[in-house]
Amino acid sequence: MTQVNQQSSSTNGVLRANALGVAGIVFLVLAAVAPLTGIVVVASLAVALGNGGGTPVSFFIVAVVLLLFSVGYAQMSKQLVNAGGFYAFVVKGLGRTGGLIAGFIATIGYNFFVVGTIGTSGFFMQTVIADLTGFNLHWYVWGLASIVLAFILARQGIGFSATVLGVSLVLETLILVVFDFSVLFQTGFSFQSFNPSAIFSGSLGIGLLLAATGFLGFEATSLFSEEAKNPLRTIPRATYTAICLIGIILGFTTWAVVSATGVAQAQAVALKHLPTGDLIFSLSTKYLGTIMTDIMMILLLVSLFAAMLAFHNSATRYLYSLGRARVLPNVLSRTRKNGTPQVAGIVQALFAAIVAGLFALANLDPIGSLVPSMIGFGTLCVLVLQALAALAIVVHFRRAHDPRWWTTFIAPGIGFLALTGIVTMAILNFNIVAGSDALIVNLLPLLLVVAVVGGIGFGTYLRSRKPTVYAGLSDDLENFNKTMVDPHHVSVSDIPGGL
């Protein structure tokens, strides 16, 4: 490790090692994915705007694409243990300037995501609690309370967060399983969903794009590598497990949804419920009854909070990592005695609360303005980050002349091409990703250009004015035990650095 990590702070800026096993990381990742939220929001949109009754296949196709990407991801994870996540991957594969661009995109995206979760959590808490109890409180008050609680829980340590998120994940998954089997026993699942006529109905491209957004968060496995037990094995296993579980939960439950509505009628029914967003709850009332539907609504609130906590942890670690590398102020790399990022956590929570507060002060509707702009652009950032990481994996192993063509070139290469296609669709159909036709929202993808120009400009500045910091962008990645690395490992020092 470089001297950047040896600063004087609560625990010398070091994250707590050996805090997470495969299960803990999977809980953190799946909580960010928020399966119940994914079904209520993403699956409903995919059925309505995508390929209708064939939507379950869209989820399964995306799962296969991400598993192909993860073949190369697993190989890179065996060489790289770093809290920088995909930012670190891109530095290793595309050089320091490429890493700066990825780091800026990741930091913006994840922080925007947390702001958006304040809007979704606050809005649904206000709505659901008012409906169930009659107690009505402004959405920002609920959202602010949620981010404060998420901040407090995150400070207790990553292991504690994993436990809390694990409980939430089990509860929301259980209610989906109960719904799935209720549909199975009462109506049965229709295999018409797998007919070409259903798969290519509506817009398969939009269906794949929206299905891909349902997997957002799986890439966070690498962010927790420095806190994982035996990370060279734990991270790849957690990644494969997370993608498979997400694909199964979302694909299977969506299959139940379109079977309940009728495969041929699924798109029309979903479009009818689109303005109110109650497709899943209306089906739940029919198949589970009022009481279980009320429980599902409460668990939706739990799911939204779990997503907030998970994304807060992820955004905090990007700030921590860039602070440790001195790209951002070094103070961000200070940690508490239990190894959780201290200053980065405070900065992240304050940023999210202040930005969401500005929307509230302007008396803007959270669902009509805050959520589309923040979560829509955050989604695009994460998709771009995934594509950049896929490219970095291919480039790194080709430079290293790795002989394993399937695991280091073909599989991740296919993943890169598919992810690039999804990113292109996301940019061209950003109004659907963001769920808004507002001009200012649809101009947000231009911030990606700002991140690229900023990364190149800042990289040039560091190279000429702060060469030690610039060199440290690569040196900081050498935080792994080389005796445990894959035999085909090539040191970062053997790879041409910089763009």
Protein backbone atom coordinates (compact mmCIF):
# COMPACT_ATOMS: atom_id res chain seq x y z
CA MET A 1 0.00 0.00 0.00
CA THR A 2 1.16 3.55 -0.61
CA GLN A 3 1.72 6.12 2.05
CA VAL A 4 -1.70 7.48 1.20
CA ASN A 5 -3.16 4.71 3.31
CA GLN A 6 -0.77 5.26 6.18
CA GLN A 7 -2.07 8.61 7.24
CA SER A 8 -2.96 9.41 10.80
CA SER A 9 -6.65 8.98 11.42
CA SER A 10 -8.98 6.94 13.55
CA THR A 11 -7.58 3.72 12.15
CA ASN A 12 -4.95 5.10 9.75
CA GLY A 13 -7.44 5.24 6.90
CA VAL A 14 -7.72 1.48 6.64
CA LEU A 15 -11.00 -0.37 6.08
CA ARG A 16 -11.80 -3.30 8.34
CA ALA A 17 -10.45 -6.48 6.78
CA ASN A 18 -12.13 -9.91 6.94
CA ALA A 19 -15.51 -8.40 7.82
CA LEU A 20 -17.55 -9.93 4.99
CA GLY A 21 -18.05 -13.38 3.58
CA VAL A 22 -19.85 -14.33 0.37
CA ALA A 23 -23.26 -14.09 2.06
CA GLY A 24 -22.56 -10.64 3.51
CA ILE A 25 -21.49 -9.21 0.17
CA VAL A 26 -24.46 -10.80 -1.59
CA PHE A 27 -26.78 -9.21 0.99
CA LEU A 28 -25.19 -5.79 0.38
CA VAL A 29 -25.52 -6.17 -3.38
CA LEU A 30 -29.04 -7.60 -3.49
CA ALA A 31 -30.23 -4.94 -1.06
CA ALA A 32 -29.02 -2.29 -3.52
CA VAL A 33 -30.89 -4.12 -6.28
CA ALA A 34 -33.96 -4.13 -3.99
CA PRO A 35 -35.92 -7.05 -5.55
CA LEU A 36 -39.34 -5.89 -4.36
CA THR A 37 -38.73 -2.37 -5.65
CA GLY A 38 -37.42 -3.88 -8.86
CA ILE A 39 -40.67 -5.78 -9.38
CA VAL A 40 -42.99 -2.92 -8.38
CA VAL A 41 -41.17 -0.35 -10.51
CA VAL A 42 -38.78 -1.90 -13.06
CA ALA A 43 -40.73 -5.03 -14.02
CA SER A 44 -43.97 -3.06 -14.38
CA LEU A 45 -42.26 -0.57 -16.69
CA ALA A 46 -40.57 -3.32 -18.70
CA VAL A 47 -43.87 -5.11 -19.28
CA ALA A 48 -45.66 -1.88 -20.21
CA LEU A 49 -43.00 -0.25 -22.38
CA GLY A 50 -40.86 -3.21 -23.40
CA ASN A 51 -41.82 -6.60 -24.76
CA GLY A 52 -44.96 -7.26 -22.69
CA GLY A 53 -45.56 -10.94 -22.04
CA GLY A 54 -42.01 -11.79 -23.12
CA THR A 55 -40.43 -9.63 -20.41
CA PRO A 56 -39.31 -12.59 -18.24
CA VAL A 57 -37.01 -13.62 -21.09
CA SER A 58 -35.54 -10.10 -21.14
CA PHE A 59 -34.44 -10.55 -17.52
CA PHE A 60 -32.94 -13.96 -18.27
CA ILE A 61 -31.08 -12.63 -21.34
CA VAL A 62 -29.57 -9.77 -19.33
CA ALA A 63 -28.53 -12.25 -16.62
CA VAL A 64 -26.67 -14.32 -19.23
CA VAL A 65 -24.95 -11.19 -20.63
CA LEU A 66 -23.81 -10.14 -17.17
CA LEU A 67 -22.60 -13.65 -16.38
CA LEU A 68 -20.45 -13.54 -19.54
CA PHE A 69 -19.04 -10.20 -18.40
CA SER A 70 -18.45 -11.68 -14.96
CA VAL A 71 -16.24 -14.42 -16.36
CA GLY A 72 -13.61 -11.79 -17.07
CA TYR A 73 -14.61 -9.83 -13.98
CA ALA A 74 -13.81 -12.87 -11.86
CA GLN A 75 -10.35 -13.17 -13.39
CA MET A 76 -9.61 -9.49 -12.75
CA SER A 77 -10.94 -9.80 -9.19
CA LYS A 78 -8.37 -12.53 -8.54
CA GLN A 79 -5.65 -9.97 -9.22
CA LEU A 80 -7.10 -6.82 -7.75
CA VAL A 81 -8.29 -6.08 -4.22
CA ASN A 82 -9.28 -2.45 -3.90
CA ALA A 83 -12.13 -0.38 -2.48
CA GLY A 84 -12.25 1.60 -5.74
CA GLY A 85 -14.50 -0.95 -7.43
CA PHE A 86 -14.84 -0.47 -11.17
CA TYR A 87 -12.75 2.72 -10.97
CA ALA A 88 -9.83 0.52 -9.93
CA PHE A 89 -10.59 -1.95 -12.73
CA VAL A 90 -10.46 0.82 -15.33
CA VAL A 91 -7.17 2.20 -13.96
CA LYS A 92 -5.66 -1.26 -14.23
CA GLY A 93 -6.92 -1.85 -17.77
CA LEU A 94 -7.17 1.57 -19.43
CA GLY A 95 -4.65 3.57 -17.47
CA ARG A 96 -4.73 6.38 -14.96
CA THR A 97 -6.63 8.94 -17.04
CA GLY A 98 -9.24 6.37 -17.98
CA GLY A 99 -9.54 5.55 -14.30
CA LEU A 100 -10.08 9.19 -13.42
CA ILE A 101 -12.92 9.38 -15.93
CA ALA A 102 -14.47 6.20 -14.51
CA GLY A 103 -13.98 7.46 -10.96
CA PHE A 104 -15.75 10.73 -11.68
CA ILE A 105 -18.64 8.94 -13.44
CA ALA A 106 -18.96 6.43 -10.59
CA THR A 107 -18.85 9.09 -7.88
CA ILE A 108 -21.45 11.27 -9.60
CA GLY A 109 -23.68 8.30 -10.40
CA TYR A 110 -23.73 6.69 -6.97
CA ASN A 111 -24.14 9.99 -5.15
CA PHE A 112 -27.01 10.97 -7.45
CA PHE A 113 -28.54 7.57 -6.75
CA VAL A 114 -28.59 8.22 -3.00
CA VAL A 115 -30.26 11.59 -3.58
CA GLY A 116 -32.87 9.80 -5.66
CA THR A 117 -33.48 7.22 -2.95
CA ILE A 118 -34.35 10.06 -0.56
CA GLY A 119 -37.08 11.02 -3.02
CA THR A 120 -38.44 7.50 -3.54
CA SER A 121 -38.21 6.53 0.12
CA GLY A 122 -39.76 9.82 1.26
CA PHE A 123 -42.57 9.75 -1.30
CA PHE A 124 -43.61 6.15 -0.68
CA MET A 125 -43.31 6.52 3.10
CA GLN A 126 -45.59 9.54 3.00
CA THR A 127 -48.08 7.78 0.71
CA VAL A 128 -48.14 4.34 2.31
CA ILE A 129 -48.11 5.51 5.93
CA ALA A 130 -50.84 8.06 5.21
CA ASP A 131 -52.96 5.38 3.53
CA LEU A 132 -52.51 2.88 6.34
CA THR A 133 -52.63 5.17 9.38
CA GLY A 134 -53.92 8.57 8.26
CA PHE A 135 -50.69 10.20 9.56
CA ASN A 136 -49.43 12.49 6.79
CA LEU A 137 -45.94 13.97 6.90
CA HIS A 138 -44.05 15.78 4.12
CA TRP A 139 -42.00 13.47 1.92
CA TYR A 140 -38.73 15.29 2.64
CA VAL A 141 -39.10 14.77 6.39
CA TRP A 142 -39.45 11.03 5.83
CA GLY A 143 -36.58 11.04 3.32
CA LEU A 144 -34.34 13.01 5.66
CA ALA A 145 -35.10 10.64 8.53
CA SER A 146 -34.22 7.73 6.25
CA ILE A 147 -30.80 9.07 5.19
CA VAL A 148 -29.96 9.96 8.79
CA LEU A 149 -30.82 6.42 9.89
CA ALA A 150 -28.86 4.96 6.95
CA PHE A 151 -25.85 7.07 7.94
CA ILE A 152 -26.06 5.93 11.58
CA LEU A 153 -26.37 2.25 10.62
CA ALA A 154 -23.52 2.49 8.11
CA ARG A 155 -21.23 3.90 10.83
CA GLN A 156 -21.73 0.74 12.90
CA GLY A 157 -19.57 -1.19 10.47
CA ILE A 158 -19.99 -2.95 7.16
CA GLY A 159 -20.73 -6.25 8.87
CA PHE A 160 -23.63 -4.65 10.75
CA SER A 161 -24.96 -3.17 7.49
CA ALA A 162 -24.80 -6.61 5.89
CA THR A 163 -26.84 -8.08 8.74
CA VAL A 164 -29.53 -5.38 8.54
CA LEU A 165 -29.71 -5.67 4.77
CA GLY A 166 -29.81 -9.45 4.99
CA VAL A 167 -32.94 -9.34 7.14
CA SER A 168 -34.56 -6.87 4.74
CA LEU A 169 -33.63 -8.99 1.74
CA VAL A 170 -35.09 -12.17 3.24
CA LEU A 171 -38.38 -10.44 4.09
CA GLU A 172 -38.94 -8.81 0.70
CA THR A 173 -37.89 -11.97 -1.15
CA LEU A 174 -40.27 -14.07 0.94
CA ILE A 175 -43.27 -11.92 0.02
CA LEU A 176 -42.35 -12.25 -3.66
CA VAL A 177 -42.03 -16.03 -3.32
CA VAL A 178 -45.44 -16.20 -1.64
CA PHE A 179 -46.93 -14.17 -4.50
CA ASP A 180 -45.20 -16.32 -7.14
CA PHE A 181 -46.48 -19.59 -5.75
CA SER A 182 -49.95 -18.17 -5.19
CA VAL A 183 -50.09 -17.38 -8.91
CA LEU A 184 -48.62 -20.78 -9.72
CA PHE A 185 -51.22 -22.68 -7.69
CA GLN A 186 -54.23 -20.53 -8.63
CA THR A 187 -53.54 -19.78 -12.28
CA GLY A 188 -50.38 -21.57 -13.32
CA PHE A 189 -47.41 -20.19 -15.25
CA SER A 190 -47.83 -19.72 -18.99
CA PHE A 191 -45.00 -20.96 -21.20
CA GLN A 192 -46.28 -18.65 -23.92
CA SER A 193 -43.84 -16.10 -22.45
CA PHE A 194 -41.04 -18.06 -24.08
CA ASN A 195 -42.62 -18.12 -27.54
CA PRO A 196 -40.84 -15.92 -30.13
CA SER A 197 -44.12 -14.08 -30.73
CA ALA A 198 -44.11 -12.95 -27.08
CA ILE A 199 -40.36 -12.31 -26.81
CA PHE A 200 -40.36 -10.03 -29.87
CA SER A 201 -43.68 -8.36 -29.10
CA GLY A 202 -43.61 -4.66 -28.34
CA SER A 203 -40.00 -3.49 -28.09
CA LEU A 204 -37.43 -6.13 -27.12
CA GLY A 205 -34.72 -3.45 -27.07
CA ILE A 206 -36.55 -1.36 -24.46
CA GLY A 207 -37.37 -4.54 -22.55
CA LEU A 208 -33.67 -5.44 -22.36
CA LEU A 209 -32.73 -1.89 -21.38
CA LEU A 210 -35.24 -1.75 -18.54
CA ALA A 211 -34.37 -5.30 -17.44
CA ALA A 212 -30.70 -4.24 -17.26
CA THR A 213 -31.63 -1.45 -14.84
CA GLY A 214 -33.06 -4.14 -12.57
CA PHE A 215 -29.55 -5.53 -12.07
CA LEU A 216 -27.96 -2.23 -11.07
CA GLY A 217 -25.94 -2.75 -7.92
CA PHE A 218 -24.38 -6.15 -8.70
CA GLU A 219 -21.14 -4.37 -9.66
CA ALA A 220 -20.71 -3.21 -6.06
CA THR A 221 -19.18 -6.57 -5.08
CA SER A 222 -15.69 -5.28 -5.92
CA LEU A 223 -16.17 -2.18 -3.73
CA PHE A 224 -16.07 -4.40 -0.64
CA SER A 225 -13.01 -6.45 -1.62
CA GLU A 226 -10.74 -4.88 1.01
CA GLU A 227 -13.30 -5.78 3.67
CA ALA A 228 -13.92 -9.33 2.41
CA LYS A 229 -12.63 -12.61 3.79
CA ASN A 230 -10.29 -14.18 1.24
CA PRO A 231 -11.33 -11.60 -1.39
CA LEU A 232 -9.62 -13.34 -4.31
CA ARG A 233 -12.25 -16.08 -4.02
CA THR A 234 -15.06 -14.31 -2.19
CA ILE A 235 -15.61 -11.49 -4.72
CA PRO A 236 -15.98 -13.70 -7.83
CA ARG A 237 -18.29 -16.11 -5.99
CA ALA A 238 -20.39 -13.25 -4.61
CA THR A 239 -20.67 -11.74 -8.09
CA TYR A 240 -21.84 -14.95 -9.76
CA THR A 241 -24.24 -15.63 -6.89
CA ALA A 242 -25.69 -12.11 -6.96
CA ILE A 243 -26.32 -12.10 -10.73
CA CYS A 244 -27.93 -15.55 -10.65
CA LEU A 245 -30.18 -14.66 -7.73
CA ILE A 246 -31.22 -11.34 -9.25
CA GLY A 247 -32.03 -13.04 -12.56
CA ILE A 248 -34.02 -15.80 -10.87
CA ILE A 249 -35.99 -13.51 -8.53
CA LEU A 250 -36.84 -10.85 -11.11
CA GLY A 251 -37.32 -13.26 -14.03
CA PHE A 252 -39.44 -15.74 -12.10
CA THR A 253 -41.63 -13.09 -10.46
CA THR A 254 -42.13 -11.27 -13.76
CA TRP A 255 -43.19 -14.59 -15.25
CA ALA A 256 -45.77 -14.84 -12.46
CA VAL A 257 -46.97 -11.30 -13.22
CA VAL A 258 -47.49 -11.84 -16.97
CA SER A 259 -49.08 -15.24 -16.30
CA ALA A 260 -51.52 -13.59 -13.90
CA THR A 261 -52.49 -10.91 -16.42
CA GLY A 262 -52.37 -13.25 -19.41
CA VAL A 263 -49.30 -13.20 -21.65
CA ALA A 264 -51.12 -11.74 -24.65
CA GLN A 265 -52.80 -9.05 -22.54
CA ALA A 266 -49.83 -8.30 -20.26
CA GLN A 267 -48.65 -5.16 -22.04
CA ALA A 268 -52.12 -3.64 -22.29
CA VAL A 269 -52.84 -4.33 -18.61
CA ALA A 270 -49.46 -2.91 -17.53
CA LEU A 271 -50.03 0.24 -19.63
CA LYS A 272 -53.42 0.70 -17.98
CA HIS A 273 -51.81 0.65 -14.52
CA LEU A 274 -48.76 2.71 -15.55
CA PRO A 275 -50.11 6.13 -14.44
CA THR A 276 -50.85 4.87 -10.91
CA GLY A 277 -47.95 2.41 -10.68
CA ASP A 278 -50.11 -0.15 -8.89
CA LEU A 279 -49.91 -3.16 -11.24
CA ILE A 280 -48.18 -5.39 -8.69
CA PHE A 281 -50.36 -4.27 -5.79
CA SER A 282 -53.54 -4.87 -7.78
CA LEU A 283 -52.38 -8.41 -8.57
CA SER A 284 -51.32 -8.92 -4.97
CA THR A 285 -54.78 -7.95 -3.76
CA LYS A 286 -56.28 -10.55 -6.08
CA TYR A 287 -53.88 -13.39 -5.27
CA LEU A 288 -52.81 -12.64 -1.67
CA GLY A 289 -55.65 -10.56 -0.21
CA THR A 290 -55.74 -7.14 1.42
CA ILE A 291 -53.72 -7.95 4.54
CA MET A 292 -50.80 -9.48 2.62
CA THR A 293 -50.90 -6.58 0.17
CA ASP A 294 -50.62 -4.14 3.09
CA ILE A 295 -47.63 -6.15 4.31
CA MET A 296 -46.13 -5.97 0.81
CA MET A 297 -46.53 -2.19 0.85
CA ILE A 298 -44.75 -1.98 4.20
CA LEU A 299 -41.98 -4.25 2.92
CA LEU A 300 -41.66 -1.95 -0.09
CA LEU A 301 -40.68 0.79 2.37
CA VAL A 302 -38.14 -1.59 3.94
CA SER A 303 -36.84 -2.43 0.46
CA LEU A 304 -36.43 1.24 -0.46
CA PHE A 305 -34.56 1.96 2.78
CA ALA A 306 -32.31 -1.07 2.24
CA ALA A 307 -31.45 0.24 -1.22
CA MET A 308 -30.62 3.63 0.28
CA LEU A 309 -28.32 2.06 2.88
CA ALA A 310 -26.60 -0.11 0.28
CA PHE A 311 -26.03 2.76 -2.16
CA HIS A 312 -24.88 5.02 0.68
CA ASN A 313 -22.23 2.41 1.53
CA SER A 314 -21.19 2.18 -2.14
CA ALA A 315 -21.05 5.94 -2.73
CA THR A 316 -19.09 6.38 0.49
CA ARG A 317 -16.45 3.89 -0.65
CA TYR A 318 -15.96 5.64 -3.97
CA LEU A 319 -15.39 8.92 -2.11
CA TYR A 320 -13.06 7.11 0.32
CA SER A 321 -11.07 5.50 -2.49
CA LEU A 322 -10.64 8.70 -4.50
CA GLY A 323 -9.68 10.52 -1.31
CA ARG A 324 -7.08 7.87 -0.49
CA ALA A 325 -5.63 8.25 -3.99
CA ARG A 326 -5.63 12.06 -3.42
CA VAL A 327 -7.83 12.66 -6.44
CA LEU A 328 -10.32 14.18 -3.99
CA PRO A 329 -9.29 15.73 -0.64
CA ASN A 330 -7.29 13.20 1.36
CA VAL A 331 -9.44 13.81 4.43
CA LEU A 332 -12.12 11.63 2.80
CA SER A 333 -9.96 8.56 3.47
CA ARG A 334 -10.20 8.87 7.25
CA THR A 335 -11.95 5.96 8.94
CA ARG A 336 -13.51 5.19 12.31
CA LYS A 337 -12.02 2.68 14.71
CA ASN A 338 -14.30 0.00 13.30
CA GLY A 339 -12.89 0.58 9.81
CA THR A 340 -15.85 2.40 8.22
CA PRO A 341 -15.17 5.57 6.18
CA GLN A 342 -15.86 8.45 8.53
CA VAL A 343 -15.52 11.73 6.64
CA ALA A 344 -16.66 10.23 3.32
CA GLY A 345 -19.83 8.98 5.00
CA ILE A 346 -20.59 12.40 6.46
CA VAL A 347 -19.93 14.17 3.16
CA GLN A 348 -22.07 11.70 1.22
CA ALA A 349 -25.06 11.92 3.59
CA LEU A 350 -24.89 15.73 3.73
CA PHE A 351 -24.64 16.01 -0.05
CA ALA A 352 -27.69 13.79 -0.54
CA ALA A 353 -29.74 15.57 2.13
CA ILE A 354 -28.89 19.06 0.85
CA VAL A 355 -29.59 18.32 -2.82
CA ALA A 356 -32.90 16.63 -1.99
CA GLY A 357 -33.68 19.54 0.32
CA LEU A 358 -33.26 22.01 -2.55
CA PHE A 359 -35.92 20.12 -4.51
CA ALA A 360 -38.18 20.22 -1.46
CA LEU A 361 -37.61 23.97 -0.93
CA ALA A 362 -38.52 24.55 -4.58
CA ASN A 363 -41.75 22.65 -3.87
CA LEU A 364 -41.00 20.22 -6.70
CA ASP A 365 -42.75 16.87 -6.90
CA PRO A 366 -40.23 14.15 -5.92
CA ILE A 367 -41.56 11.57 -8.38
CA GLY A 368 -41.89 14.08 -11.19
CA SER A 369 -38.55 15.85 -10.74
CA LEU A 370 -36.14 14.54 -8.09
CA VAL A 371 -36.39 10.82 -8.79
CA PRO A 372 -36.25 11.00 -12.62
CA SER A 373 -33.25 13.32 -12.67
CA MET A 374 -31.19 11.69 -9.91
CA ILE A 375 -31.95 7.99 -10.34
CA GLY A 376 -32.27 8.27 -14.12
CA PHE A 377 -28.81 9.76 -14.52
CA GLY A 378 -27.37 7.54 -11.79
CA THR A 379 -28.63 4.53 -13.72
CA LEU A 380 -26.94 5.73 -16.91
CA CYS A 381 -23.67 6.34 -15.03
CA VAL A 382 -23.60 2.81 -13.61
CA LEU A 383 -24.35 1.29 -17.04
CA VAL A 384 -21.48 3.29 -18.56
CA LEU A 385 -19.24 2.22 -15.68
CA GLN A 386 -20.06 -1.45 -16.32
CA ALA A 387 -19.20 -1.07 -20.03
CA LEU A 388 -15.91 0.69 -19.23
CA ALA A 389 -14.99 -2.05 -16.77
CA ALA A 390 -15.74 -4.73 -19.38
CA LEU A 391 -13.49 -2.97 -21.90
CA ALA A 392 -10.75 -2.55 -19.28
CA ILE A 393 -10.83 -6.28 -18.52
CA VAL A 394 -10.39 -7.21 -22.17
CA VAL A 395 -7.60 -4.67 -22.73
CA HIS A 396 -5.73 -5.63 -19.58
CA PHE A 397 -5.58 -9.33 -20.35
CA ARG A 398 -4.70 -8.73 -24.03
CA ARG A 399 -1.78 -6.53 -22.95
CA ALA A 400 -0.74 -9.27 -20.57
CA HIS A 401 -0.94 -11.82 -23.44
CA ASP A 402 -3.07 -14.07 -21.27
CA PRO A 403 -3.58 -17.44 -23.02
CA ARG A 404 -7.08 -18.06 -21.62
CA TRP A 405 -9.11 -16.75 -24.55
CA TRP A 406 -12.55 -17.72 -23.28
CA THR A 407 -12.30 -16.30 -19.76
CA THR A 408 -10.28 -13.18 -20.55
CA PHE A 409 -11.36 -12.21 -24.07
CA ILE A 410 -14.36 -13.94 -25.65
CA ALA A 411 -16.78 -13.97 -22.69
CA PRO A 412 -15.96 -10.48 -21.35
CA GLY A 413 -15.78 -9.21 -24.95
CA ILE A 414 -19.33 -10.36 -25.63
CA GLY A 415 -20.33 -8.77 -22.35
CA PHE A 416 -18.70 -5.50 -23.38
CA LEU A 417 -20.48 -5.43 -26.74
CA ALA A 418 -23.84 -6.19 -25.12
CA LEU A 419 -23.32 -3.58 -22.39
CA THR A 420 -22.28 -1.00 -24.99
CA GLY A 421 -25.52 -1.71 -26.84
CA ILE A 422 -27.49 -1.26 -23.63
CA VAL A 423 -25.68 2.03 -22.87
CA THR A 424 -26.44 3.27 -26.39
CA MET A 425 -30.12 2.42 -25.95
CA ALA A 426 -30.10 4.12 -22.55
CA ILE A 427 -28.76 7.36 -24.02
CA LEU A 428 -31.11 7.29 -27.01
CA ASN A 429 -34.09 6.45 -24.77
CA PHE A 430 -33.07 8.41 -21.69
CA ASN A 431 -36.60 9.73 -21.26
CA ILE A 432 -37.72 6.14 -20.61
CA VAL A 433 -34.81 5.39 -18.26
CA ALA A 434 -35.50 8.58 -16.32
CA GLY A 435 -39.27 8.34 -16.66
CA SER A 436 -39.51 11.99 -17.65
CA ASP A 437 -39.87 14.04 -20.84
CA ALA A 438 -38.62 17.23 -19.17
CA LEU A 439 -35.90 18.90 -21.26
CA ILE A 440 -33.58 19.55 -18.31
CA VAL A 441 -33.76 15.88 -17.29
CA ASN A 442 -33.05 14.65 -20.81
CA LEU A 443 -29.99 16.91 -21.05
CA LEU A 444 -28.36 15.21 -18.05
CA PRO A 445 -26.42 12.67 -20.20
CA LEU A 446 -24.28 15.65 -21.25
CA LEU A 447 -22.75 15.46 -17.77
CA LEU A 448 -20.96 12.33 -19.04
CA VAL A 449 -19.13 14.57 -21.50
CA VAL A 450 -18.20 16.85 -18.60
CA ALA A 451 -16.84 13.83 -16.70
CA VAL A 452 -14.75 12.73 -19.71
CA VAL A 453 -13.33 16.22 -20.32
CA GLY A 454 -12.78 16.70 -16.59
CA GLY A 455 -10.99 13.36 -16.27
CA ILE A 456 -8.68 14.10 -19.20
CA GLY A 457 -8.00 17.64 -18.01
CA PHE A 458 -7.39 16.62 -14.40
CA GLY A 459 -5.18 13.73 -15.52
CA THR A 460 -3.07 16.14 -17.59
CA TYR A 461 -2.82 18.50 -14.61
CA LEU A 462 -1.74 15.74 -12.22
CA ARG A 463 0.79 14.34 -14.68
CA SER A 464 2.50 17.72 -15.11
CA ARG A 465 2.02 19.36 -11.70
CA LYS A 466 1.62 16.45 -9.26
CA PRO A 467 3.44 13.47 -10.79
CA THR A 468 3.62 11.65 -7.46
CA VAL A 469 -0.16 11.70 -7.07
CA TYR A 470 -0.57 10.71 -10.73
CA ALA A 471 1.77 7.75 -10.32
CA GLY A 472 -0.02 6.82 -7.12
CA LEU A 473 -3.24 6.18 -9.04
CA SER A 474 -1.68 2.91 -10.18
CA ASP A 475 0.41 2.23 -7.07
CA ASP A 476 -2.69 2.35 -4.88
CA LEU A 477 -4.09 -0.70 -6.70
CA GLU A 478 -1.33 -2.96 -5.41
CA ASN A 479 -3.35 -3.75 -2.29
CA PHE A 480 -3.47 -7.52 -2.66
CA ASN A 481 -1.53 -10.59 -1.62
CA LYS A 482 0.51 -11.60 -4.64
CA THR A 483 1.08 -15.09 -3.28
CA MET A 484 -2.67 -15.73 -3.72
CA VAL A 485 -2.95 -14.22 -7.19
CA ASP A 486 -3.83 -16.23 -10.27
CA PRO A 487 -0.71 -17.79 -11.85
CA HIS A 488 -1.26 -15.72 -14.97
CA HIS A 489 -0.97 -12.52 -12.93
CA VAL A 490 0.96 -9.66 -14.48
CA SER A 491 1.88 -6.82 -12.16
CA VAL A 492 0.54 -3.36 -12.77
CA SER A 493 4.15 -2.25 -13.18
CA ASP A 494 4.34 -4.48 -16.28
CA ILE A 495 1.31 -2.81 -17.87
CA PRO A 496 1.69 0.48 -19.73
CA GLY A 497 0.02 3.09 -17.51
CA GLY A 498 -1.86 6.12 -18.65
CA LEU A 499 -3.69 7.08 -21.78
